[in-house]
mmCIF file of all heavy atoms, coordinates in Angstrom:
data_MODEL
# 
_entry.id   MODEL 
# 
loop_
_atom_site.group_PDB 
_atom_site.id 
_atom_site.type_symbol 
_atom_site.label_atom_id 
_atom_site.label_alt_id 
_atom_site.label_comp_id 
_atom_site.label_asym_id 
_atom_site.label_entity_id 
_atom_site.label_seq_id 
_atom_site.pdbx_PDB_ins_code 
_atom_site.Cartn_x 
_atom_site.Cartn_y 
_atom_site.Cartn_z 
_atom_site.occupancy 
_atom_site.B_iso_or_equiv 
_atom_site.pdbx_formal_charge 
_atom_site.auth_seq_id 
_atom_site.auth_comp_id 
_atom_site.auth_asym_id 
_atom_site.auth_atom_id 
_atom_site.pdbx_PDB_model_num 
ATOM 1   N N   . CYS A 1 1  ? 0.844  -1.206 0.000   1.00 0.00 ? 1  CYS A N   1 
ATOM 2   C CA  . CYS A 1 1  ? 0.000  0.000  0.000   1.00 0.00 ? 1  CYS A CA  1 
ATOM 3   C C   . CYS A 1 1  ? 0.872  1.246  0.000   1.00 0.00 ? 1  CYS A C   1 
ATOM 4   O O   . CYS A 1 1  ? 1.291  1.713  -1.048  1.00 0.00 ? 1  CYS A O   1 
ATOM 5   C CB  . CYS A 1 1  ? -0.940 -0.018 1.196   1.00 0.00 ? 1  CYS A CB  1 
ATOM 6   S SG  . CYS A 1 1  ? -2.222 -1.300 1.099   1.00 0.00 ? 1  CYS A SG  1 
ATOM 7   N N   . ALA A 1 2  ? 1.169  1.786  1.185   1.00 0.00 ? 2  ALA A N   1 
ATOM 8   C CA  . ALA A 1 2  ? 1.928  3.038  1.262   1.00 0.00 ? 2  ALA A CA  1 
ATOM 9   C C   . ALA A 1 2  ? 3.251  2.998  0.490   1.00 0.00 ? 2  ALA A C   1 
ATOM 10  O O   . ALA A 1 2  ? 3.590  3.968  -0.195  1.00 0.00 ? 2  ALA A O   1 
ATOM 11  C CB  . ALA A 1 2  ? 2.168  3.417  2.723   1.00 0.00 ? 2  ALA A CB  1 
ATOM 12  N N   . PRO A 1 3  ? 4.037  1.904  0.582   1.00 0.00 ? 3  PRO A N   1 
ATOM 13  C CA  . PRO A 1 3  ? 5.332  1.920  -0.116  1.00 0.00 ? 3  PRO A CA  1 
ATOM 14  C C   . PRO A 1 3  ? 5.215  2.055  -1.625  1.00 0.00 ? 3  PRO A C   1 
ATOM 15  O O   . PRO A 1 3  ? 6.189  2.426  -2.284  1.00 0.00 ? 3  PRO A O   1 
ATOM 16  C CB  . PRO A 1 3  ? 5.956  0.565  0.262   1.00 0.00 ? 3  PRO A CB  1 
ATOM 17  C CG  . PRO A 1 3  ? 5.291  0.170  1.537   1.00 0.00 ? 3  PRO A CG  1 
ATOM 18  C CD  . PRO A 1 3  ? 3.886  0.682  1.403   1.00 0.00 ? 3  PRO A CD  1 
ATOM 19  N N   . GLU A 1 4  ? 4.044  1.764  -2.189  1.00 0.00 ? 4  GLU A N   1 
ATOM 20  C CA  . GLU A 1 4  ? 3.908  1.758  -3.647  1.00 0.00 ? 4  GLU A CA  1 
ATOM 21  C C   . GLU A 1 4  ? 3.402  3.080  -4.210  1.00 0.00 ? 4  GLU A C   1 
ATOM 22  O O   . GLU A 1 4  ? 3.382  3.282  -5.417  1.00 0.00 ? 4  GLU A O   1 
ATOM 23  C CB  . GLU A 1 4  ? 2.945  0.639  -4.071  1.00 0.00 ? 4  GLU A CB  1 
ATOM 24  C CG  . GLU A 1 4  ? 3.176  -0.699 -3.411  1.00 0.00 ? 4  GLU A CG  1 
ATOM 25  C CD  . GLU A 1 4  ? 4.494  -1.365 -3.772  1.00 0.00 ? 4  GLU A CD  1 
ATOM 26  O OE1 . GLU A 1 4  ? 5.449  -0.647 -4.139  1.00 0.00 ? 4  GLU A OE1 1 
ATOM 27  O OE2 . GLU A 1 4  ? 4.574  -2.595 -3.693  1.00 0.00 ? 4  GLU A OE2 1 
ATOM 28  N N   . ILE A 1 5  ? 2.959  3.997  -3.349  1.00 0.00 ? 5  ILE A N   1 
ATOM 29  C CA  . ILE A 1 5  ? 2.467  5.282  -3.844  1.00 0.00 ? 5  ILE A CA  1 
ATOM 30  C C   . ILE A 1 5  ? 3.627  6.039  -4.487  1.00 0.00 ? 5  ILE A C   1 
ATOM 31  O O   . ILE A 1 5  ? 4.717  6.101  -3.919  1.00 0.00 ? 5  ILE A O   1 
ATOM 32  C CB  . ILE A 1 5  ? 1.847  6.097  -2.695  1.00 0.00 ? 5  ILE A CB  1 
ATOM 33  C CG1 . ILE A 1 5  ? 0.658  5.329  -2.096  1.00 0.00 ? 5  ILE A CG1 1 
ATOM 34  C CG2 . ILE A 1 5  ? 1.396  7.475  -3.182  1.00 0.00 ? 5  ILE A CG2 1 
ATOM 35  C CD1 . ILE A 1 5  ? 0.050  5.986  -0.876  1.00 0.00 ? 5  ILE A CD1 1 
ATOM 36  N N   . PRO A 1 6  ? 3.423  6.629  -5.657  1.00 0.00 ? 6  PRO A N   1 
ATOM 37  C CA  . PRO A 1 6  ? 4.542  7.275  -6.348  1.00 0.00 ? 6  PRO A CA  1 
ATOM 38  C C   . PRO A 1 6  ? 4.973  8.570  -5.678  1.00 0.00 ? 6  PRO A C   1 
ATOM 39  O O   . PRO A 1 6  ? 4.194  9.228  -4.978  1.00 0.00 ? 6  PRO A O   1 
ATOM 40  C CB  . PRO A 1 6  ? 3.994  7.540  -7.745  1.00 0.00 ? 6  PRO A CB  1 
ATOM 41  C CG  . PRO A 1 6  ? 2.513  7.692  -7.540  1.00 0.00 ? 6  PRO A CG  1 
ATOM 42  C CD  . PRO A 1 6  ? 2.172  6.709  -6.450  1.00 0.00 ? 6  PRO A CD  1 
ATOM 43  N N   . THR A 1 7  ? 6.208  8.934  -5.906  1.00 0.00 ? 7  THR A N   1 
ATOM 44  C CA  . THR A 1 7  ? 6.684  10.262 -5.542  1.00 0.00 ? 7  THR A CA  1 
ATOM 45  C C   . THR A 1 7  ? 6.299  11.240 -6.656  1.00 0.00 ? 7  THR A C   1 
ATOM 46  O O   . THR A 1 7  ? 5.899  10.835 -7.756  1.00 0.00 ? 7  THR A O   1 
ATOM 47  C CB  . THR A 1 7  ? 8.205  10.269 -5.370  1.00 0.00 ? 7  THR A CB  1 
ATOM 48  O OG1 . THR A 1 7  ? 8.819  9.908  -6.632  1.00 0.00 ? 7  THR A OG1 1 
ATOM 49  C CG2 . THR A 1 7  ? 8.642  9.270  -4.301  1.00 0.00 ? 7  THR A CG2 1 
ATOM 50  N N   . TRP A 1 8  ? 6.414  12.520 -6.370  1.00 0.00 ? 8  TRP A N   1 
ATOM 51  C CA  . TRP A 1 8  ? 6.075  13.515 -7.384  1.00 0.00 ? 8  TRP A CA  1 
ATOM 52  C C   . TRP A 1 8  ? 6.957  13.372 -8.621  1.00 0.00 ? 8  TRP A C   1 
ATOM 53  O O   . TRP A 1 8  ? 6.485  13.489 -9.752  1.00 0.00 ? 8  TRP A O   1 
ATOM 54  C CB  . TRP A 1 8  ? 6.181  14.918 -6.808  1.00 0.00 ? 8  TRP A CB  1 
ATOM 55  C CG  . TRP A 1 8  ? 5.841  15.987 -7.807  1.00 0.00 ? 8  TRP A CG  1 
ATOM 56  C CD1 . TRP A 1 8  ? 6.679  16.913 -8.347  1.00 0.00 ? 8  TRP A CD1 1 
ATOM 57  C CD2 . TRP A 1 8  ? 4.554  16.207 -8.402  1.00 0.00 ? 8  TRP A CD2 1 
ATOM 58  N NE1 . TRP A 1 8  ? 5.995  17.703 -9.236  1.00 0.00 ? 8  TRP A NE1 1 
ATOM 59  C CE2 . TRP A 1 8  ? 4.692  17.302 -9.294  1.00 0.00 ? 8  TRP A CE2 1 
ATOM 60  C CE3 . TRP A 1 8  ? 3.310  15.594 -8.268  1.00 0.00 ? 8  TRP A CE3 1 
ATOM 61  C CZ2 . TRP A 1 8  ? 3.625  17.781 -10.042 1.00 0.00 ? 8  TRP A CZ2 1 
ATOM 62  C CZ3 . TRP A 1 8  ? 2.244  16.080 -9.029  1.00 0.00 ? 8  TRP A CZ3 1 
ATOM 63  C CH2 . TRP A 1 8  ? 2.405  17.161 -9.902  1.00 0.00 ? 8  TRP A CH2 1 
ATOM 64  N N   . GLN A 1 9  ? 8.232  13.107 -8.421  1.00 0.00 ? 9  GLN A N   1 
ATOM 65  C CA  . GLN A 1 9  ? 9.136  12.943 -9.562  1.00 0.00 ? 9  GLN A CA  1 
ATOM 66  C C   . GLN A 1 9  ? 8.726  11.735 -10.400 1.00 0.00 ? 9  GLN A C   1 
ATOM 67  O O   . GLN A 1 9  ? 8.740  11.783 -11.636 1.00 0.00 ? 9  GLN A O   1 
ATOM 68  C CB  . GLN A 1 9  ? 10.577 12.778 -9.073  1.00 0.00 ? 9  GLN A CB  1 
ATOM 69  C CG  . GLN A 1 9  ? 11.604 12.712 -10.190 1.00 0.00 ? 9  GLN A CG  1 
ATOM 70  C CD  . GLN A 1 9  ? 13.034 12.768 -9.675  1.00 0.00 ? 9  GLN A CD  1 
ATOM 71  O OE1 . GLN A 1 9  ? 13.274 13.069 -8.515  1.00 0.00 ? 9  GLN A OE1 1 
ATOM 72  N NE2 . GLN A 1 9  ? 13.990 12.468 -10.526 1.00 0.00 ? 9  GLN A NE2 1 
ATOM 73  N N   . GLU A 1 10 ? 8.338  10.674 -9.731  1.00 0.00 ? 10 GLU A N   1 
ATOM 74  C CA  . GLU A 1 10 ? 7.911  9.461  -10.424 1.00 0.00 ? 10 GLU A CA  1 
ATOM 75  C C   . GLU A 1 10 ? 6.599  9.682  -11.168 1.00 0.00 ? 10 GLU A C   1 
ATOM 76  O O   . GLU A 1 10 ? 6.454  9.282  -12.340 1.00 0.00 ? 10 GLU A O   1 
ATOM 77  C CB  . GLU A 1 10 ? 7.754  8.363  -9.377  1.00 0.00 ? 10 GLU A CB  1 
ATOM 78  C CG  . GLU A 1 10 ? 7.348  7.009  -9.884  1.00 0.00 ? 10 GLU A CG  1 
ATOM 79  C CD  . GLU A 1 10 ? 7.141  6.038  -8.728  1.00 0.00 ? 10 GLU A CD  1 
ATOM 80  O OE1 . GLU A 1 10 ? 7.272  6.443  -7.553  1.00 0.00 ? 10 GLU A OE1 1 
ATOM 81  O OE2 . GLU A 1 10 ? 6.843  4.871  -9.019  1.00 0.00 ? 10 GLU A OE2 1 
ATOM 82  N N   . LEU A 1 11 ? 5.644  10.317 -10.506 1.00 0.00 ? 11 LEU A N   1 
ATOM 83  C CA  . LEU A 1 11 ? 4.363  10.598 -11.146 1.00 0.00 ? 11 LEU A CA  1 
ATOM 84  C C   . LEU A 1 11 ? 4.551  11.506 -12.356 1.00 0.00 ? 11 LEU A C   1 
ATOM 85  O O   . LEU A 1 11 ? 3.951  11.286 -13.430 1.00 0.00 ? 11 LEU A O   1 
ATOM 86  C CB  . LEU A 1 11 ? 3.414  11.246 -10.141 1.00 0.00 ? 11 LEU A CB  1 
ATOM 87  C CG  . LEU A 1 11 ? 2.048  11.674 -10.676 1.00 0.00 ? 11 LEU A CG  1 
ATOM 88  C CD1 . LEU A 1 11 ? 1.264  10.481 -11.166 1.00 0.00 ? 11 LEU A CD1 1 
ATOM 89  C CD2 . LEU A 1 11 ? 1.264  12.438 -9.607  1.00 0.00 ? 11 LEU A CD2 1 
ATOM 90  N N   . SER A 1 12 ? 5.390  12.530 -12.212 1.00 0.00 ? 12 SER A N   1 
ATOM 91  C CA  . SER A 1 12 ? 5.627  13.456 -13.321 1.00 0.00 ? 12 SER A CA  1 
ATOM 92  C C   . SER A 1 12 ? 6.236  12.735 -14.520 1.00 0.00 ? 12 SER A C   1 
ATOM 93  O O   . SER A 1 12 ? 5.858  12.990 -15.673 1.00 0.00 ? 12 SER A O   1 
ATOM 94  C CB  . SER A 1 12 ? 6.547  14.592 -12.863 1.00 0.00 ? 12 SER A CB  1 
ATOM 95  O OG  . SER A 1 12 ? 5.963  15.322 -11.812 1.00 0.00 ? 12 SER A OG  1 
ATOM 96  N N   . TYR A 1 13 ? 7.171  11.819 -14.236 1.00 0.00 ? 13 TYR A N   1 
ATOM 97  C CA  . TYR A 1 13 ? 7.777  11.052 -15.332 1.00 0.00 ? 13 TYR A CA  1 
ATOM 98  C C   . TYR A 1 13 ? 6.708  10.241 -16.063 1.00 0.00 ? 13 TYR A C   1 
ATOM 99  O O   . TYR A 1 13 ? 6.663  10.214 -17.300 1.00 0.00 ? 13 TYR A O   1 
ATOM 100 C CB  . TYR A 1 13 ? 8.863  10.131 -14.781 1.00 0.00 ? 13 TYR A CB  1 
ATOM 101 C CG  . TYR A 1 13 ? 9.511  9.267  -15.842 1.00 0.00 ? 13 TYR A CG  1 
ATOM 102 C CD1 . TYR A 1 13 ? 10.658 9.698  -16.508 1.00 0.00 ? 13 TYR A CD1 1 
ATOM 103 C CD2 . TYR A 1 13 ? 8.984  8.031  -16.175 1.00 0.00 ? 13 TYR A CD2 1 
ATOM 104 C CE1 . TYR A 1 13 ? 11.251 8.912  -17.490 1.00 0.00 ? 13 TYR A CE1 1 
ATOM 105 C CE2 . TYR A 1 13 ? 9.566  7.236  -17.153 1.00 0.00 ? 13 TYR A CE2 1 
ATOM 106 C CZ  . TYR A 1 13 ? 10.696 7.675  -17.808 1.00 0.00 ? 13 TYR A CZ  1 
ATOM 107 O OH  . TYR A 1 13 ? 11.266 6.896  -18.788 1.00 0.00 ? 13 TYR A OH  1 
ATOM 108 N N   . PHE A 1 14 ? 5.846  9.591  -15.297 1.00 0.00 ? 14 PHE A N   1 
ATOM 109 C CA  . PHE A 1 14 ? 4.797  8.764  -15.903 1.00 0.00 ? 14 PHE A CA  1 
ATOM 110 C C   . PHE A 1 14 ? 3.836  9.606  -16.729 1.00 0.00 ? 14 PHE A C   1 
ATOM 111 O O   . PHE A 1 14 ? 3.453  9.226  -17.845 1.00 0.00 ? 14 PHE A O   1 
ATOM 112 C CB  . PHE A 1 14 ? 4.049  8.021  -14.793 1.00 0.00 ? 14 PHE A CB  1 
ATOM 113 C CG  . PHE A 1 14 ? 2.870  7.230  -15.274 1.00 0.00 ? 14 PHE A CG  1 
ATOM 114 C CD1 . PHE A 1 14 ? 3.031  6.148  -16.132 1.00 0.00 ? 14 PHE A CD1 1 
ATOM 115 C CD2 . PHE A 1 14 ? 1.582  7.562  -14.862 1.00 0.00 ? 14 PHE A CD2 1 
ATOM 116 C CE1 . PHE A 1 14 ? 1.934  5.414  -16.569 1.00 0.00 ? 14 PHE A CE1 1 
ATOM 117 C CE2 . PHE A 1 14 ? 0.477  6.836  -15.292 1.00 0.00 ? 14 PHE A CE2 1 
ATOM 118 C CZ  . PHE A 1 14 ? 0.657  5.757  -16.154 1.00 0.00 ? 14 PHE A CZ  1 
ATOM 119 N N   . LEU A 1 15 ? 3.448  10.752 -16.213 1.00 0.00 ? 15 LEU A N   1 
ATOM 120 C CA  . LEU A 1 15 ? 2.522  11.605 -16.947 1.00 0.00 ? 15 LEU A CA  1 
ATOM 121 C C   . LEU A 1 15 ? 3.151  12.150 -18.223 1.00 0.00 ? 15 LEU A C   1 
ATOM 122 O O   . LEU A 1 15 ? 2.468  12.343 -19.236 1.00 0.00 ? 15 LEU A O   1 
ATOM 123 C CB  . LEU A 1 15 ? 2.053  12.761 -16.058 1.00 0.00 ? 15 LEU A CB  1 
ATOM 124 C CG  . LEU A 1 15 ? 1.188  12.357 -14.854 1.00 0.00 ? 15 LEU A CG  1 
ATOM 125 C CD1 . LEU A 1 15 ? 0.964  13.559 -13.944 1.00 0.00 ? 15 LEU A CD1 1 
ATOM 126 C CD2 . LEU A 1 15 ? -0.131 11.758 -15.299 1.00 0.00 ? 15 LEU A CD2 1 
ATOM 127 N N   . ASP A 1 16 ? 4.458  12.392 -18.200 1.00 0.00 ? 16 ASP A N   1 
ATOM 128 C CA  . ASP A 1 16 ? 5.150  12.924 -19.375 1.00 0.00 ? 16 ASP A CA  1 
ATOM 129 C C   . ASP A 1 16 ? 5.479  11.851 -20.407 1.00 0.00 ? 16 ASP A C   1 
ATOM 130 O O   . ASP A 1 16 ? 5.444  12.108 -21.613 1.00 0.00 ? 16 ASP A O   1 
ATOM 131 C CB  . ASP A 1 16 ? 6.457  13.607 -18.954 1.00 0.00 ? 16 ASP A CB  1 
ATOM 132 C CG  . ASP A 1 16 ? 6.221  14.917 -18.216 1.00 0.00 ? 16 ASP A CG  1 
ATOM 133 O OD1 . ASP A 1 16 ? 5.100  15.460 -18.311 1.00 0.00 ? 16 ASP A OD1 1 
ATOM 134 O OD2 . ASP A 1 16 ? 7.147  15.386 -17.537 1.00 0.00 ? 16 ASP A OD2 1 
ATOM 135 N N   . HIS A 1 17 ? 5.819  10.647 -19.932 1.00 0.00 ? 17 HIS A N   1 
ATOM 136 C CA  . HIS A 1 17 ? 6.333  9.621  -20.835 1.00 0.00 ? 17 HIS A CA  1 
ATOM 137 C C   . HIS A 1 17 ? 5.429  8.398  -20.980 1.00 0.00 ? 17 HIS A C   1 
ATOM 138 O O   . HIS A 1 17 ? 5.624  7.601  -21.905 1.00 0.00 ? 17 HIS A O   1 
ATOM 139 C CB  . HIS A 1 17 ? 7.710  9.133  -20.360 1.00 0.00 ? 17 HIS A CB  1 
ATOM 140 C CG  . HIS A 1 17 ? 8.751  10.205 -20.291 1.00 0.00 ? 17 HIS A CG  1 
ATOM 141 N ND1 . HIS A 1 17 ? 8.986  10.951 -19.161 1.00 0.00 ? 17 HIS A ND1 1 
ATOM 142 C CD2 . HIS A 1 17 ? 9.614  10.674 -21.227 1.00 0.00 ? 17 HIS A CD2 1 
ATOM 143 C CE1 . HIS A 1 17 ? 9.956  11.819 -19.386 1.00 0.00 ? 17 HIS A CE1 1 
ATOM 144 N NE2 . HIS A 1 17 ? 10.348 11.692 -20.630 1.00 0.00 ? 17 HIS A NE2 1 
ATOM 145 N N   . GLY A 1 18 ? 4.458  8.231  -20.073 1.00 0.00 ? 18 GLY A N   1 
ATOM 146 C CA  . GLY A 1 18 ? 3.665  7.016  -20.112 1.00 0.00 ? 18 GLY A CA  1 
ATOM 147 C C   . GLY A 1 18 ? 4.519  5.812  -19.794 1.00 0.00 ? 18 GLY A C   1 
ATOM 148 O O   . GLY A 1 18 ? 5.609  5.918  -19.221 1.00 0.00 ? 18 GLY A O   1 
ATOM 149 N N   . SER A 1 19 ? 4.041  4.646  -20.188 1.00 0.00 ? 19 SER A N   1 
ATOM 150 C CA  . SER A 1 19 ? 4.794  3.413  -19.966 1.00 0.00 ? 19 SER A CA  1 
ATOM 151 C C   . SER A 1 19 ? 4.443  2.397  -21.035 1.00 0.00 ? 19 SER A C   1 
ATOM 152 O O   . SER A 1 19 ? 3.272  2.279  -21.426 1.00 0.00 ? 19 SER A O   1 
ATOM 153 C CB  . SER A 1 19 ? 4.480  2.832  -18.581 1.00 0.00 ? 19 SER A CB  1 
ATOM 154 O OG  . SER A 1 19 ? 5.084  1.564  -18.423 1.00 0.00 ? 19 SER A OG  1 
ATOM 155 N N   . PRO A 1 20 ? 5.439  1.657  -21.507 1.00 0.00 ? 20 PRO A N   1 
ATOM 156 C CA  . PRO A 1 20 ? 5.143  0.589  -22.458 1.00 0.00 ? 20 PRO A CA  1 
ATOM 157 C C   . PRO A 1 20 ? 4.523  -0.636 -21.782 1.00 0.00 ? 20 PRO A C   1 
ATOM 158 O O   . PRO A 1 20 ? 4.091  -1.572 -22.467 1.00 0.00 ? 20 PRO A O   1 
ATOM 159 C CB  . PRO A 1 20 ? 6.519  0.248  -23.045 1.00 0.00 ? 20 PRO A CB  1 
ATOM 160 C CG  . PRO A 1 20 ? 7.475  0.594  -21.946 1.00 0.00 ? 20 PRO A CG  1 
ATOM 161 C CD  . PRO A 1 20 ? 6.877  1.792  -21.262 1.00 0.00 ? 20 PRO A CD  1 
ATOM 162 N N   . GLU A 1 21 ? 4.480  -0.642 -20.453 1.00 0.00 ? 21 GLU A N   1 
ATOM 163 C CA  . GLU A 1 21 ? 3.998  -1.799 -19.695 1.00 0.00 ? 21 GLU A CA  1 
ATOM 164 C C   . GLU A 1 21 ? 2.610  -1.534 -19.130 1.00 0.00 ? 21 GLU A C   1 
ATOM 165 O O   . GLU A 1 21 ? 2.358  -0.497 -18.526 1.00 0.00 ? 21 GLU A O   1 
ATOM 166 C CB  . GLU A 1 21 ? 4.950  -2.114 -18.531 1.00 0.00 ? 21 GLU A CB  1 
ATOM 167 C CG  . GLU A 1 21 ? 6.379  -2.391 -18.927 1.00 0.00 ? 21 GLU A CG  1 
ATOM 168 C CD  . GLU A 1 21 ? 6.564  -3.788 -19.499 1.00 0.00 ? 21 GLU A CD  1 
ATOM 169 O OE1 . GLU A 1 21 ? 5.591  -4.572 -19.475 1.00 0.00 ? 21 GLU A OE1 1 
ATOM 170 O OE2 . GLU A 1 21 ? 7.667  -4.083 -19.975 1.00 0.00 ? 21 GLU A OE2 1 
ATOM 171 N N   . ARG A 1 22 ? 1.710  -2.484 -19.298 1.00 0.00 ? 22 ARG A N   1 
ATOM 172 C CA  . ARG A 1 22 ? 0.424  -2.398 -18.605 1.00 0.00 ? 22 ARG A CA  1 
ATOM 173 C C   . ARG A 1 22 ? 0.597  -2.702 -17.122 1.00 0.00 ? 22 ARG A C   1 
ATOM 174 O O   . ARG A 1 22 ? -0.174 -2.216 -16.289 1.00 0.00 ? 22 ARG A O   1 
ATOM 175 C CB  . ARG A 1 22 ? -0.582 -3.376 -19.225 1.00 0.00 ? 22 ARG A CB  1 
ATOM 176 C CG  . ARG A 1 22 ? -1.176 -2.882 -20.528 1.00 0.00 ? 22 ARG A CG  1 
ATOM 177 C CD  . ARG A 1 22 ? -2.171 -3.886 -21.093 1.00 0.00 ? 22 ARG A CD  1 
ATOM 178 N NE  . ARG A 1 22 ? -3.238 -4.210 -20.146 1.00 0.00 ? 22 ARG A NE  1 
ATOM 179 C CZ  . ARG A 1 22 ? -4.350 -3.507 -20.001 1.00 0.00 ? 22 ARG A CZ  1 
ATOM 180 N NH1 . ARG A 1 22 ? -4.540 -2.406 -20.720 1.00 0.00 ? 22 ARG A NH1 1 
ATOM 181 N NH2 . ARG A 1 22 ? -5.277 -3.875 -19.135 1.00 0.00 ? 22 ARG A NH2 1 
ATOM 182 N N   . ALA A 1 23 ? 1.586  -3.511 -16.795 1.00 0.00 ? 23 ALA A N   1 
ATOM 183 C CA  . ALA A 1 23 ? 1.932  -3.774 -15.399 1.00 0.00 ? 23 ALA A CA  1 
ATOM 184 C C   . ALA A 1 23 ? 3.070  -2.825 -15.033 1.00 0.00 ? 23 ALA A C   1 
ATOM 185 O O   . ALA A 1 23 ? 4.238  -3.071 -15.359 1.00 0.00 ? 23 ALA A O   1 
ATOM 186 C CB  . ALA A 1 23 ? 2.353  -5.232 -15.210 1.00 0.00 ? 23 ALA A CB  1 
ATOM 187 N N   . LEU A 1 24 ? 2.749  -1.719 -14.366 1.00 0.00 ? 24 LEU A N   1 
ATOM 188 C CA  . LEU A 1 24 ? 3.755  -0.684 -14.111 1.00 0.00 ? 24 LEU A CA  1 
ATOM 189 C C   . LEU A 1 24 ? 4.916  -1.208 -13.280 1.00 0.00 ? 24 LEU A C   1 
ATOM 190 O O   . LEU A 1 24 ? 6.021  -0.669 -13.358 1.00 0.00 ? 24 LEU A O   1 
ATOM 191 C CB  . LEU A 1 24 ? 3.111  0.517  -13.428 1.00 0.00 ? 24 LEU A CB  1 
ATOM 192 C CG  . LEU A 1 24 ? 2.056  1.279  -14.246 1.00 0.00 ? 24 LEU A CG  1 
ATOM 193 C CD1 . LEU A 1 24 ? 1.551  2.476  -13.461 1.00 0.00 ? 24 LEU A CD1 1 
ATOM 194 C CD2 . LEU A 1 24 ? 2.624  1.716  -15.579 1.00 0.00 ? 24 LEU A CD2 1 
ATOM 195 N N   . ARG A 1 25 ? 4.679  -2.244 -12.474 1.00 0.00 ? 25 ARG A N   1 
ATOM 196 C CA  . ARG A 1 25 ? 5.769  -2.788 -11.658 1.00 0.00 ? 25 ARG A CA  1 
ATOM 197 C C   . ARG A 1 25 ? 6.861  -3.421 -12.515 1.00 0.00 ? 25 ARG A C   1 
ATOM 198 O O   . ARG A 1 25 ? 7.949  -3.727 -12.012 1.00 0.00 ? 25 ARG A O   1 
ATOM 199 C CB  . ARG A 1 25 ? 5.218  -3.815 -10.675 1.00 0.00 ? 25 ARG A CB  1 
ATOM 200 C CG  . ARG A 1 25 ? 4.680  -5.073 -11.322 1.00 0.00 ? 25 ARG A CG  1 
ATOM 201 C CD  . ARG A 1 25 ? 3.991  -6.016 -10.341 1.00 0.00 ? 25 ARG A CD  1 
ATOM 202 N NE  . ARG A 1 25 ? 3.450  -7.173 -11.029 1.00 0.00 ? 25 ARG A NE  1 
ATOM 203 C CZ  . ARG A 1 25 ? 2.306  -7.184 -11.692 1.00 0.00 ? 25 ARG A CZ  1 
ATOM 204 N NH1 . ARG A 1 25 ? 1.578  -6.076 -11.750 1.00 0.00 ? 25 ARG A NH1 1 
ATOM 205 N NH2 . ARG A 1 25 ? 1.876  -8.270 -12.299 1.00 0.00 ? 25 ARG A NH2 1 
# 
């Protein structure tokens, strides 16, 4: 739960670049 919540830097990267993976992990 808590350990998996993104940081702002991580969230910003995802919003800017997306991900090629449907499973973000």
